[in-house]
Structure formats: C-alpha cells, structure tokens
C-alpha cells in the first residue's frame, strides 16, 4: 500500500465516523479488525461483529458525536492521528495499521 492509500483510508473512516454512517465506517476496516489500548497485550475488541456493534451503538446513542483531527503523522507504514472527541472531551491518539488494503489494527492512547 502507498502512503496516500493509507491516509485515504484513515481520512475516509474519520469522515464516516463524523457522519455516524456505520456501513461506510466499517467498509474501511478489515473483517479481522482488532483494537487495543496501547500498552496492553490483550485487545478490547476483536472482529467486525464486535466492532460494528460497538460503534453502531455509539453512533446511534450519541447524536452530537464528532471527532476533530488535531494532527496526523505517517511513519513506517502506520498512520497516527491525534484527535479530540466530543461530547466526551477525550483527547486520543489512534495508531492505525493495515492489511489487505484495509485498516486491520488500531491502538488507542488516551
């Protein structure tokens, strides 16, 4: 994958997240998507079914949900986004890794 393709995937999922469009959002992710909290070896979310359920509920139950990109770094095949999420007020760094042309793994720092 090229850097441009990686960035396009991350940007596309961010836009779908802000639109709360679960189908489009999930289309950027690998069927075996796995989410971690940085520093923990055990993922907190594994597979598309769990991913879709978690984010689908978040999109449905939080009509004012919005993520603002603060900065983006592309390094060694990964994309790192610093984000601010409302209404929770979360300050998050998301680290995205890729497989088969989709986002496969995400590590969150918050």
PDB file of N, CA and C in Angstrom:
ATOM      1  N   UNK A   1       0.845  -1.190   0.000  1.00  0.00           N
ATOM      2  CA  UNK A   1       0.000   0.000   0.000  1.00  0.00           C
ATOM      3  C   UNK A   1       0.881   1.241   0.000  1.00  0.00           C
ATOM      4  N   UNK A   2       0.406   2.257  -0.665  1.00  0.00           N
ATOM      5  CA  UNK A   2       1.130   3.525  -0.665  1.00  0.00           C
ATOM      6  C   UNK A   2       0.722   4.358   0.550  1.00  0.00           C
ATOM      7  N   UNK A   3       1.534   5.332   0.846  1.00  0.00           N
ATOM      8  CA  UNK A   3       1.210   6.278   1.921  1.00  0.00           C
ATOM      9  C   UNK A   3      -0.123   6.951   1.641  1.00  0.00           C
ATOM     10  N   UNK A   4      -0.343   7.326   0.397  1.00  0.00           N
ATOM     11  CA  UNK A   4      -1.591   8.001   0.024  1.00  0.00           C
ATOM     12  C   UNK A   4      -2.805   7.116   0.273  1.00  0.00           C
ATOM     13  N   UNK A   5      -2.682   5.825  -0.023  1.00  0.00           N
ATOM     14  CA  UNK A   5      -3.792   4.894   0.215  1.00  0.00           C
ATOM     15  C   UNK A   5      -4.070   4.741   1.706  1.00  0.00           C
ATOM     16  N   UNK A   6      -3.027   4.668   2.504  1.00  0.00           N
ATOM     17  CA  UNK A   6      -3.211   4.557   3.955  1.00  0.00           C
ATOM     18  C   UNK A   6      -3.914   5.800   4.507  1.00  0.00           C
ATOM     19  N   UNK A   7      -3.440   6.952   4.097  1.00  0.00           N
ATOM     20  CA  UNK A   7      -4.035   8.205   4.568  1.00  0.00           C
ATOM     21  C   UNK A   7      -5.484   8.312   4.106  1.00  0.00           C
ATOM     22  N   UNK A   8      -5.772   7.896   2.893  1.00  0.00           N
ATOM     23  CA  UNK A   8      -7.151   7.955   2.381  1.00  0.00           C
ATOM     24  C   UNK A   8      -8.077   7.058   3.204  1.00  0.00           C
ATOM     25  N   UNK A   9      -7.610   5.891   3.597  1.00  0.00           N
ATOM     26  CA  UNK A   9      -8.424   5.005   4.441  1.00  0.00           C
ATOM     27  C   UNK A   9      -8.710   5.649   5.789  1.00  0.00           C
ATOM     28  N   UNK A  10      -7.693   6.188   6.416  1.00  0.00           N
ATOM     29  CA  UNK A  10      -7.873   6.801   7.738  1.00  0.00           C
ATOM     30  C   UNK A  10      -8.769   8.029   7.639  1.00  0.00           C
ATOM     31  N   UNK A  11      -8.567   8.837   6.613  1.00  0.00           N
ATOM     32  CA  UNK A  11      -9.414  10.018   6.442  1.00  0.00           C
ATOM     33  C   UNK A  11     -10.860   9.616   6.135  1.00  0.00           C
ATOM     34  N   UNK A  12     -11.031   8.601   5.318  1.00  0.00           N
ATOM     35  CA  UNK A  12     -12.375   8.135   4.977  1.00  0.00           C
ATOM     36  C   UNK A  12     -13.129   7.622   6.190  1.00  0.00           C
ATOM     37  N   UNK A  13     -12.459   6.855   7.031  1.00  0.00           N
ATOM     38  CA  UNK A  13     -13.140   6.348   8.228  1.00  0.00           C
ATOM     39  C   UNK A  13     -13.453   7.481   9.190  1.00  0.00           C
ATOM     40  N   UNK A  14     -12.600   8.497   9.259  1.00  0.00           N
ATOM     41  CA  UNK A  14     -12.877   9.664  10.110  1.00  0.00           C
ATOM     42  C   UNK A  14     -14.137  10.396   9.627  1.00  0.00           C
ATOM     43  N   UNK A  15     -14.246  10.579   8.335  1.00  0.00           N
ATOM     44  CA  UNK A  15     -15.424  11.261   7.776  1.00  0.00           C
ATOM     45  C   UNK A  15     -16.685  10.436   8.011  1.00  0.00           C
ATOM     46  N   UNK A  16     -16.606   9.121   7.836  1.00  0.00           N
ATOM     47  CA  UNK A  16     -17.768   8.256   8.086  1.00  0.00           C
ATOM     48  C   UNK A  16     -18.132   8.252   9.569  1.00  0.00           C
ATOM     49  N   UNK A  17     -17.132   8.282  10.452  1.00  0.00           N
ATOM     50  CA  UNK A  17     -17.360   8.373  11.895  1.00  0.00           C
ATOM     51  C   UNK A  17     -18.154   9.635  12.217  1.00  0.00           C
ATOM     52  N   UNK A  18     -17.711  10.762  11.673  1.00  0.00           N
ATOM     53  CA  UNK A  18     -18.390  12.025  11.950  1.00  0.00           C
ATOM     54  C   UNK A  18     -19.785  12.086  11.348  1.00  0.00           C
ATOM     55  N   UNK A  19     -20.020  11.330  10.290  1.00  0.00           N
ATOM     56  CA  UNK A  19     -21.361  11.238   9.697  1.00  0.00           C
ATOM     57  C   UNK A  19     -22.212  10.180  10.420  1.00  0.00           C
ATOM     58  N   UNK A  20     -21.568   9.434  11.331  1.00  0.00           N
ATOM     59  CA  UNK A  20     -22.219   8.345  12.067  1.00  0.00           C
ATOM     60  C   UNK A  20     -22.849   7.336  11.092  1.00  0.00           C
ATOM     61  N   UNK A  21     -22.114   7.055  10.025  1.00  0.00           N
ATOM     62  CA  UNK A  21     -22.553   6.117   8.993  1.00  0.00           C
ATOM     63  C   UNK A  21     -21.841   4.779   9.231  1.00  0.00           C
ATOM     64  N   UNK A  22     -22.487   3.884   9.946  1.00  0.00           N
ATOM     65  CA  UNK A  22     -21.845   2.648  10.371  1.00  0.00           C
ATOM     66  C   UNK A  22     -21.419   1.776   9.190  1.00  0.00           C
ATOM     67  N   UNK A  23     -22.213   1.718   8.136  1.00  0.00           N
ATOM     68  CA  UNK A  23     -21.847   0.885   6.982  1.00  0.00           C
ATOM     69  C   UNK A  23     -20.595   1.410   6.304  1.00  0.00           C
ATOM     70  N   UNK A  24     -20.575   2.690   6.043  1.00  0.00           N
ATOM     71  CA  UNK A  24     -19.405   3.286   5.395  1.00  0.00           C
ATOM     72  C   UNK A  24     -18.191   3.197   6.316  1.00  0.00           C
ATOM     73  N   UNK A  25     -18.376   3.476   7.597  1.00  0.00           N
ATOM     74  CA  UNK A  25     -17.296   3.413   8.571  1.00  0.00           C
ATOM     75  C   UNK A  25     -16.657   2.021   8.559  1.00  0.00           C
ATOM     76  N   UNK A  26     -17.458   1.001   8.645  1.00  0.00           N
ATOM     77  CA  UNK A  26     -16.942  -0.368   8.678  1.00  0.00           C
ATOM     78  C   UNK A  26     -16.273  -0.770   7.374  1.00  0.00           C
ATOM     79  N   UNK A  27     -16.630  -0.139   6.273  1.00  0.00           N
ATOM     80  CA  UNK A  27     -16.057  -0.510   4.978  1.00  0.00           C
ATOM     81  C   UNK A  27     -14.560  -0.213   4.882  1.00  0.00           C
ATOM     82  N   UNK A  28     -14.040   0.592   5.772  1.00  0.00           N
ATOM     83  CA  UNK A  28     -12.615   0.924   5.767  1.00  0.00           C
ATOM     84  C   UNK A  28     -11.781  -0.073   6.575  1.00  0.00           C
ATOM     85  N   UNK A  29     -12.460  -1.002   7.257  1.00  0.00           N
ATOM     86  CA  UNK A  29     -11.804  -1.906   8.192  1.00  0.00           C
ATOM     87  C   UNK A  29     -11.824  -3.350   7.707  1.00  0.00           C
ATOM     88  N   UNK A  30     -10.774  -4.053   8.025  1.00  0.00           N
ATOM     89  CA  UNK A  30     -10.613  -5.478   7.726  1.00  0.00           C
ATOM     90  C   UNK A  30     -11.621  -6.288   8.544  1.00  0.00           C
ATOM     91  N   UNK A  31     -12.072  -7.405   8.024  1.00  0.00           N
ATOM     92  CA  UNK A  31     -13.017  -8.279   8.749  1.00  0.00           C
ATOM     93  C   UNK A  31     -12.446  -8.751  10.090  1.00  0.00           C
ATOM     94  N   UNK A  32     -11.134  -8.841  10.171  1.00  0.00           N
ATOM     95  CA  UNK A  32     -10.479  -9.273  11.401  1.00  0.00           C
ATOM     96  C   UNK A  32      -9.926  -8.099  12.207  1.00  0.00           C
ATOM     97  N   UNK A  33     -10.591  -6.960  12.121  1.00  0.00           N
ATOM     98  CA  UNK A  33     -10.140  -5.763  12.834  1.00  0.00           C
ATOM     99  C   UNK A  33      -9.954  -6.061  14.325  1.00  0.00           C
ATOM    100  N   UNK A  34      -8.895  -5.493  14.871  1.00  0.00           N
ATOM    101  CA  UNK A  34      -8.584  -5.677  16.280  1.00  0.00           C
ATOM    102  C   UNK A  34      -8.209  -4.323  16.869  1.00  0.00           C
ATOM    103  N   UNK A  35      -8.759  -4.012  18.046  1.00  0.00           N
ATOM    104  CA  UNK A  35      -8.481  -2.734  18.709  1.00  0.00           C
ATOM    105  C   UNK A  35      -7.843  -2.988  20.068  1.00  0.00           C
ATOM    106  N   UNK A  36      -6.809  -2.211  20.346  1.00  0.00           N
ATOM    107  CA  UNK A  36      -6.036  -2.336  21.580  1.00  0.00           C
ATOM    108  C   UNK A  36      -5.938  -0.976  22.281  1.00  0.00           C
ATOM    109  N   UNK A  37      -5.691  -1.025  23.561  1.00  0.00           N
ATOM    110  CA  UNK A  37      -5.210   0.143  24.292  1.00  0.00           C
ATOM    111  C   UNK A  37      -3.702  -0.019  24.334  1.00  0.00           C
ATOM    112  N   UNK A  38      -2.979   1.006  23.928  1.00  0.00           N
ATOM    113  CA  UNK A  38      -1.529   0.912  23.875  1.00  0.00           C
ATOM    114  C   UNK A  38      -0.979   0.493  25.233  1.00  0.00           C
ATOM    115  N   UNK A  39      -0.093  -0.482  25.214  1.00  0.00           N
ATOM    116  CA  UNK A  39       0.497  -0.985  26.442  1.00  0.00           C
ATOM    117  C   UNK A  39      -0.177  -2.231  26.976  1.00  0.00           C
ATOM    118  N   UNK A  40      -1.301  -2.596  26.390  1.00  0.00           N
ATOM    119  CA  UNK A  40      -1.994  -3.812  26.803  1.00  0.00           C
ATOM    120  C   UNK A  40      -1.872  -4.850  25.688  1.00  0.00           C
ATOM    121  N   UNK A  41      -1.540  -6.063  26.050  1.00  0.00           N
ATOM    122  CA  UNK A  41      -1.347  -7.128  25.065  1.00  0.00           C
ATOM    123  C   UNK A  41      -2.659  -7.731  24.579  1.00  0.00           C
ATOM    124  N   UNK A  42      -3.695  -7.621  25.390  1.00  0.00           N
ATOM    125  CA  UNK A  42      -4.975  -8.237  25.057  1.00  0.00           C
ATOM    126  C   UNK A  42      -5.885  -7.176  24.416  1.00  0.00           C
ATOM    127  N   UNK A  43      -6.399  -7.445  23.225  1.00  0.00           N
ATOM    128  CA  UNK A  43      -7.289  -6.468  22.585  1.00  0.00           C
ATOM    129  C   UNK A  43      -8.607  -6.338  23.342  1.00  0.00           C
ATOM    130  N   UNK A  44      -9.214  -5.165  23.238  1.00  0.00           N
ATOM    131  CA  UNK A  44     -10.529  -4.975  23.852  1.00  0.00           C
ATOM    132  C   UNK A  44     -11.650  -5.164  22.844  1.00  0.00           C
ATOM    133  N   UNK A  45     -11.300  -5.288  21.568  1.00  0.00           N
ATOM    134  CA  UNK A  45     -12.311  -5.534  20.541  1.00  0.00           C
ATOM    135  C   UNK A  45     -11.666  -6.365  19.436  1.00  0.00           C
ATOM    136  N   UNK A  46     -12.338  -7.462  19.053  1.00  0.00           N
ATOM    137  CA  UNK A  46     -11.800  -8.354  18.034  1.00  0.00           C
ATOM    138  C   UNK A  46     -12.906  -8.703  17.041  1.00  0.00           C
ATOM    139  N   UNK A  47     -12.633  -8.468  15.766  1.00  0.00           N
ATOM    140  CA  UNK A  47     -13.546  -8.884  14.712  1.00  0.00           C
ATOM    141  C   UNK A  47     -14.601  -7.843  14.366  1.00  0.00           C
ATOM    142  N   UNK A  48     -15.082  -7.955  13.143  1.00  0.00           N
ATOM    143  CA  UNK A  48     -16.033  -6.982  12.623  1.00  0.00           C
ATOM    144  C   UNK A  48     -17.354  -6.983  13.373  1.00  0.00           C
ATOM    145  N   UNK A  49     -17.821  -8.130  13.816  1.00  0.00           N
ATOM    146  CA  UNK A  49     -19.104  -8.167  14.519  1.00  0.00           C
ATOM    147  C   UNK A  49     -19.053  -7.312  15.788  1.00  0.00           C
ATOM    148  N   UNK A  50     -18.024  -7.469  16.584  1.00  0.00           N
ATOM    149  CA  UNK A  50     -17.881  -6.671  17.809  1.00  0.00           C
ATOM    150  C   UNK A  50     -17.644  -5.207  17.476  1.00  0.00           C
ATOM    151  N   UNK A  51     -16.857  -4.951  16.444  1.00  0.00           N
ATOM    152  CA  UNK A  51     -16.551  -3.586  16.012  1.00  0.00           C
ATOM    153  C   UNK A  51     -17.816  -2.857  15.574  1.00  0.00           C
ATOM    154  N   UNK A  52     -18.586  -3.520  14.704  1.00  0.00           N
ATOM    155  CA  UNK A  52     -19.826  -2.933  14.190  1.00  0.00           C
ATOM    156  C   UNK A  52     -20.823  -2.674  15.325  1.00  0.00           C
ATOM    157  N   UNK A  53     -20.932  -3.616  16.243  1.00  0.00           N
ATOM    158  CA  UNK A  53     -21.873  -3.457  17.357  1.00  0.00           C
ATOM    159  C   UNK A  53     -21.477  -2.280  18.252  1.00  0.00           C
ATOM    160  N   UNK A  54     -20.217  -2.216  18.610  1.00  0.00           N
ATOM    161  CA  UNK A  54     -19.744  -1.151  19.497  1.00  0.00           C
ATOM    162  C   UNK A  54     -19.922   0.230  18.876  1.00  0.00           C
ATOM    163  N   UNK A  55     -19.439   0.392  17.663  1.00  0.00           N
ATOM    164  CA  UNK A  55     -19.550   1.705  17.019  1.00  0.00           C
ATOM    165  C   UNK A  55     -20.975   2.009  16.585  1.00  0.00           C
ATOM    166  N   UNK A  56     -21.728   1.006  16.189  1.00  0.00           N
ATOM    167  CA  UNK A  56     -23.130   1.230  15.829  1.00  0.00           C
ATOM    168  C   UNK A  56     -23.922   1.789  16.993  1.00  0.00           C
ATOM    169  N   UNK A  57     -23.699   1.236  18.188  1.00  0.00           N
ATOM    170  CA  UNK A  57     -24.377   1.749  19.384  1.00  0.00           C
ATOM    171  C   UNK A  57     -23.927   3.162  19.710  1.00  0.00           C
ATOM    172  N   UNK A  58     -22.631   3.409  19.576  1.00  0.00           N
ATOM    173  CA  UNK A  58     -22.096   4.751  19.842  1.00  0.00           C
ATOM    174  C   UNK A  58     -22.700   5.771  18.878  1.00  0.00           C
ATOM    175  N   UNK A  59     -22.778   5.427  17.591  1.00  0.00           N
ATOM    176  CA  UNK A  59     -23.341   6.333  16.599  1.00  0.00           C
ATOM    177  C   UNK A  59     -24.826   6.594  16.872  1.00  0.00           C
ATOM    178  N   UNK A  60     -25.547   5.549  17.231  1.00  0.00           N
ATOM    179  CA  UNK A  60     -26.986   5.665  17.480  1.00  0.00           C
ATOM    180  C   UNK A  60     -27.283   6.481  18.737  1.00  0.00           C
ATOM    181  N   UNK A  61     -26.489   6.280  19.774  1.00  0.00           N
ATOM    182  CA  UNK A  61     -26.784   6.877  21.078  1.00  0.00           C
ATOM    183  C   UNK A  61     -26.116   8.223  21.331  1.00  0.00           C
ATOM    184  N   UNK A  62     -25.294   8.694  20.394  1.00  0.00           N
ATOM    185  CA  UNK A  62     -24.582   9.958  20.595  1.00  0.00           C
ATOM    186  C   UNK A  62     -24.745  10.840  19.362  1.00  0.00           C
ATOM    187  N   UNK A  63     -25.869  11.534  19.249  1.00  0.00           N
ATOM    188  CA  UNK A  63     -26.129  12.316  18.038  1.00  0.00           C
ATOM    189  C   UNK A  63     -25.151  13.474  17.816  1.00  0.00           C
ATOM    190  N   UNK A  64     -24.506  13.951  18.879  1.00  0.00           N
ATOM    191  CA  UNK A  64     -23.557  15.052  18.721  1.00  0.00           C
ATOM    192  C   UNK A  64     -22.106  14.570  18.694  1.00  0.00           C
ATOM    193  N   UNK A  65     -21.905  13.284  18.447  1.00  0.00           N
ATOM    194  CA  UNK A  65     -20.572  12.701  18.368  1.00  0.00           C
ATOM    195  C   UNK A  65     -19.791  13.343  17.226  1.00  0.00           C
ATOM    196  N   UNK A  66     -18.561  13.766  17.529  1.00  0.00           N
ATOM    197  CA  UNK A  66     -17.720  14.366  16.491  1.00  0.00           C
ATOM    198  C   UNK A  66     -16.256  14.237  16.890  1.00  0.00           C
ATOM    199  N   UNK A  67     -15.443  13.869  15.937  1.00  0.00           N
ATOM    200  CA  UNK A  67     -14.008  13.729  16.144  1.00  0.00           C
ATOM    201  C   UNK A  67     -13.287  14.765  15.283  1.00  0.00           C
ATOM    202  N   UNK A  68     -12.445  15.565  15.929  1.00  0.00           N
ATOM    203  CA  UNK A  68     -11.659  16.567  15.222  1.00  0.00           C
ATOM    204  C   UNK A  68     -10.211  16.115  15.164  1.00  0.00           C
ATOM    205  N   UNK A  69      -9.652  16.094  13.974  1.00  0.00           N
ATOM    206  CA  UNK A  69      -8.258  15.734  13.782  1.00  0.00           C
ATOM    207  C   UNK A  69      -7.385  16.906  14.201  1.00  0.00           C
ATOM    208  N   UNK A  70      -6.480  16.670  15.144  1.00  0.00           N
ATOM    209  CA  UNK A  70      -5.557  17.706  15.617  1.00  0.00           C
ATOM    210  C   UNK A  70      -4.242  17.645  14.849  1.00  0.00           C
ATOM    211  N   UNK A  71      -3.746  16.427  14.609  1.00  0.00           N
ATOM    212  CA  UNK A  71      -2.520  16.248  13.833  1.00  0.00           C
ATOM    213  C   UNK A  71      -2.465  14.827  13.304  1.00  0.00           C
ATOM    214  N   UNK A  72      -1.674  14.641  12.263  1.00  0.00           N
ATOM    215  CA  UNK A  72      -1.526  13.312  11.651  1.00  0.00           C
ATOM    216  C   UNK A  72      -0.054  13.104  11.301  1.00  0.00           C
ATOM    217  N   UNK A  73       0.443  11.917  11.635  1.00  0.00           N
ATOM    218  CA  UNK A  73       1.813  11.523  11.307  1.00  0.00           C
ATOM    219  C   UNK A  73       1.742  10.203  10.559  1.00  0.00           C
ATOM    220  N   UNK A  74       2.506  10.092   9.487  1.00  0.00           N
ATOM    221  CA  UNK A  74       2.643   8.838   8.760  1.00  0.00           C
ATOM    222  C   UNK A  74       4.077   8.386   8.954  1.00  0.00           C
ATOM    223  N   UNK A  75       4.249   7.175   9.511  1.00  0.00           N
ATOM    224  CA  UNK A  75       5.582   6.709   9.866  1.00  0.00           C
ATOM    225  C   UNK A  75       5.647   5.191   9.772  1.00  0.00           C
ATOM    226  N   UNK A  76       6.605   4.687   9.001  1.00  0.00           N
ATOM    227  CA  UNK A  76       6.855   3.244   8.907  1.00  0.00           C
ATOM    228  C   UNK A  76       5.590   2.433   8.613  1.00  0.00           C
ATOM    229  N   UNK A  77       4.781   2.912   7.683  1.00  0.00           N
ATOM    230  CA  UNK A  77       3.597   2.162   7.272  1.00  0.00           C
ATOM    231  C   UNK A  77       2.408   2.292   8.197  1.00  0.00           C
ATOM    232  N   UNK A  78       2.522   3.118   9.219  1.00  0.00           N
ATOM    233  CA  UNK A  78       1.412   3.351  10.146  1.00  0.00           C
ATOM    234  C   UNK A  78       0.960   4.802  10.022  1.00  0.00           C
ATOM    235  N   UNK A  79      -0.291   5.043  10.401  1.00  0.00           N
ATOM    236  CA  UNK A  79      -0.815   6.403  10.460  1.00  0.00           C
ATOM    237  C   UNK A  79      -1.215   6.663  11.904  1.00  0.00           C
ATOM    238  N   UNK A  80      -0.745   7.768  12.452  1.00  0.00           N
ATOM    239  CA  UNK A  80      -1.042   8.159  13.824  1.00  0.00           C
ATOM    240  C   UNK A  80      -1.857   9.441  13.792  1.00  0.00           C
ATOM    241  N   UNK A  81      -3.045   9.404  14.346  1.00  0.00           N
ATOM    242  CA  UNK A  81      -3.913  10.576  14.406  1.00  0.00           C
ATOM    243  C   UNK A  81      -4.083  11.026  15.851  1.00  0.00           C
ATOM    244  N   UNK A  82      -3.842  12.285  16.097  1.00  0.00           N
ATOM    245  CA  UNK A  82      -4.193  12.900  17.375  1.00  0.00           C
ATOM    246  C   UNK A  82      -5.575  13.504  17.178  1.00  0.00           C
ATOM    247  N   UNK A  83      -6.506  13.153  18.065  1.00  0.00           N
ATOM    248  CA  UNK A  83      -7.906  13.519  17.875  1.00  0.00           C
ATOM    249  C   UNK A  83      -8.511  14.075  19.162  1.00  0.00           C
ATOM    250  N   UNK A  84      -9.499  14.900  18.961  1.00  0.00           N
ATOM    251  CA  UNK A  84     -10.325  15.392  20.065  1.00  0.00           C
ATOM    252  C   UNK A  84     -11.757  14.958  19.767  1.00  0.00           C
ATOM    253  N   UNK A  85     -12.385  14.291  20.747  1.00  0.00           N
ATOM    254  CA  UNK A  85     -13.717  13.731  20.525  1.00  0.00           C
ATOM    255  C   UNK A  85     -14.710  14.402  21.467  1.00  0.00           C
ATOM    256  N   UNK A  86     -15.822  14.883  20.902  1.00  0.00           N
ATOM    257  CA  UNK A  86     -16.914  15.422  21.706  1.00  0.00           C
ATOM    258  C   UNK A  86     -18.125  14.522  21.506  1.00  0.00           C
ATOM    259  N   UNK A  87     -19.005  14.418  22.471  1.00  0.00           N
ATOM    260  CA  UNK A  87     -19.120  15.261  23.657  1.00  0.00           C
ATOM    261  C   UNK A  87     -18.266  14.802  24.836  1.00  0.00           C
ATOM    262  N   UNK A  88     -17.522  13.706  24.705  1.00  0.00           N
ATOM    263  CA  UNK A  88     -16.790  13.160  25.858  1.00  0.00           C
ATOM    264  C   UNK A  88     -15.616  14.030  26.281  1.00  0.00           C
ATOM    265  N   UNK A  89     -15.099  14.846  25.358  1.00  0.00           N
ATOM    266  CA  UNK A  89     -13.929  15.653  25.666  1.00  0.00           C
ATOM    267  C   UNK A  89     -12.637  14.858  25.633  1.00  0.00           C
ATOM    268  N   UNK A  90     -12.669  13.668  25.069  1.00  0.00           N
ATOM    269  CA  UNK A  90     -11.493  12.794  25.028  1.00  0.00           C
ATOM    270  C   UNK A  90     -10.398  13.361  24.131  1.00  0.00           C
ATOM    271  N   UNK A  91      -9.189  13.245  24.589  1.00  0.00           N
ATOM    272  CA  UNK A  91      -8.001  13.548  23.792  1.00  0.00           C
ATOM    273  C   UNK A  91      -7.352  12.203  23.517  1.00  0.00           C
ATOM    274  N   UNK A  92      -7.280  11.801  22.263  1.00  0.00           N
ATOM    275  CA  UNK A  92      -6.921  10.438  21.879  1.00  0.00           C
ATOM    276  C   UNK A  92      -5.845  10.468  20.799  1.00  0.00           C
ATOM    277  N   UNK A  93      -4.960   9.486  20.852  1.00  0.00           N
ATOM    278  CA  UNK A  93      -4.105   9.187  19.710  1.00  0.00           C
ATOM    279  C   UNK A  93      -4.501   7.796  19.230  1.00  0.00           C
ATOM    280  N   UNK A  94      -4.788   7.686  17.955  1.00  0.00           N
ATOM    281  CA  UNK A  94      -5.130   6.408  17.332  1.00  0.00           C
ATOM    282  C   UNK A  94      -4.007   6.055  16.356  1.00  0.00           C
ATOM    283  N   UNK A  95      -3.505   4.851  16.492  1.00  0.00           N
ATOM    284  CA  UNK A  95      -2.434   4.360  15.619  1.00  0.00           C
ATOM    285  C   UNK A  95      -3.035   3.260  14.750  1.00  0.00           C
ATOM    286  N   UNK A  96      -2.998   3.464  13.445  1.00  0.00           N
ATOM    287  CA  UNK A  96      -3.638   2.547  12.501  1.00  0.00           C
ATOM    288  C   UNK A  96      -2.584   1.733  11.759  1.00  0.00           C
ATOM    289  N   UNK A  97      -2.841   0.429  11.630  1.00  0.00           N
ATOM    290  CA  UNK A  97      -2.008  -0.467  10.841  1.00  0.00           C
ATOM    291  C   UNK A  97      -2.914  -1.151   9.815  1.00  0.00           C
ATOM    292  N   UNK A  98      -2.339  -1.686   8.766  1.00  0.00           N
ATOM    293  CA  UNK A  98      -3.099  -2.081   7.589  1.00  0.00           C
ATOM    294  C   UNK A  98      -2.789  -3.499   7.136  1.00  0.00           C
ATOM    295  N   UNK A  99      -3.791  -4.108   6.492  1.00  0.00           N
ATOM    296  CA  UNK A  99      -3.626  -5.427   5.884  1.00  0.00           C
ATOM    297  C   UNK A  99      -4.644  -5.557   4.754  1.00  0.00           C
ATOM    298  N   UNK A 100      -4.220  -6.107   3.653  1.00  0.00           N
ATOM    299  CA  UNK A 100      -5.110  -6.367   2.516  1.00  0.00           C
ATOM    300  C   UNK A 100      -5.855  -5.109   2.055  1.00  0.00           C
ATOM    301  N   UNK A 101      -5.208  -3.960   2.130  1.00  0.00           N
ATOM    302  CA  UNK A 101      -5.805  -2.721   1.643  1.00  0.00           C
ATOM    303  C   UNK A 101      -6.843  -2.109   2.557  1.00  0.00           C
ATOM    304  N   UNK A 102      -6.898  -2.549   3.816  1.00  0.00           N
ATOM    305  CA  UNK A 102      -7.864  -2.027   4.794  1.00  0.00           C
ATOM    306  C   UNK A 102      -7.166  -1.795   6.130  1.00  0.00           C
ATOM    307  N   UNK A 103      -7.844  -1.091   7.025  1.00  0.00           N
ATOM    308  CA  UNK A 103      -7.329  -0.907   8.376  1.00  0.00           C
ATOM    309  C   UNK A 103      -7.551  -2.210   9.126  1.00  0.00           C
ATOM    310  N   UNK A 104      -6.481  -2.758   9.692  1.00  0.00           N
ATOM    311  CA  UNK A 104      -6.570  -4.048  10.384  1.00  0.00           C
ATOM    312  C   UNK A 104      -6.490  -3.896  11.901  1.00  0.00           C
ATOM    313  N   UNK A 105      -5.517  -3.135  12.381  1.00  0.00           N
ATOM    314  CA  UNK A 105      -5.308  -2.989  13.820  1.00  0.00           C
ATOM    315  C   UNK A 105      -5.299  -1.511  14.193  1.00  0.00           C
ATOM    316  N   UNK A 106      -5.826  -1.237  15.377  1.00  0.00           N
ATOM    317  CA  UNK A 106      -5.828   0.122  15.914  1.00  0.00           C
ATOM    318  C   UNK A 106      -5.348   0.039  17.358  1.00  0.00           C
ATOM    319  N   UNK A 107      -4.449   0.924  17.706  1.00  0.00           N
ATOM    320  CA  UNK A 107      -4.033   1.095  19.099  1.00  0.00           C
ATOM    321  C   UNK A 107      -4.484   2.477  19.533  1.00  0.00           C
ATOM    322  N   UNK A 108      -5.134   2.539  20.668  1.00  0.00           N
ATOM    323  CA  UNK A 108      -5.597   3.813  21.196  1.00  0.00           C
ATOM    324  C   UNK A 108      -4.766   4.207  22.405  1.00  0.00           C
ATOM    325  N   UNK A 109      -4.432   5.480  22.488  1.00  0.00           N
ATOM    326  CA  UNK A 109      -3.770   6.059  23.635  1.00  0.00           C
ATOM    327  C   UNK A 109      -4.673   7.189  24.131  1.00  0.00           C
ATOM    328  N   UNK A 110      -5.095   7.102  25.400  1.00  0.00           N
ATOM    329  CA  UNK A 110      -5.911   8.170  25.984  1.00  0.00           C
ATOM    330  C   UNK A 110      -5.827   8.157  27.476  1.00  0.00           C
TER     331      UNK A 110
END
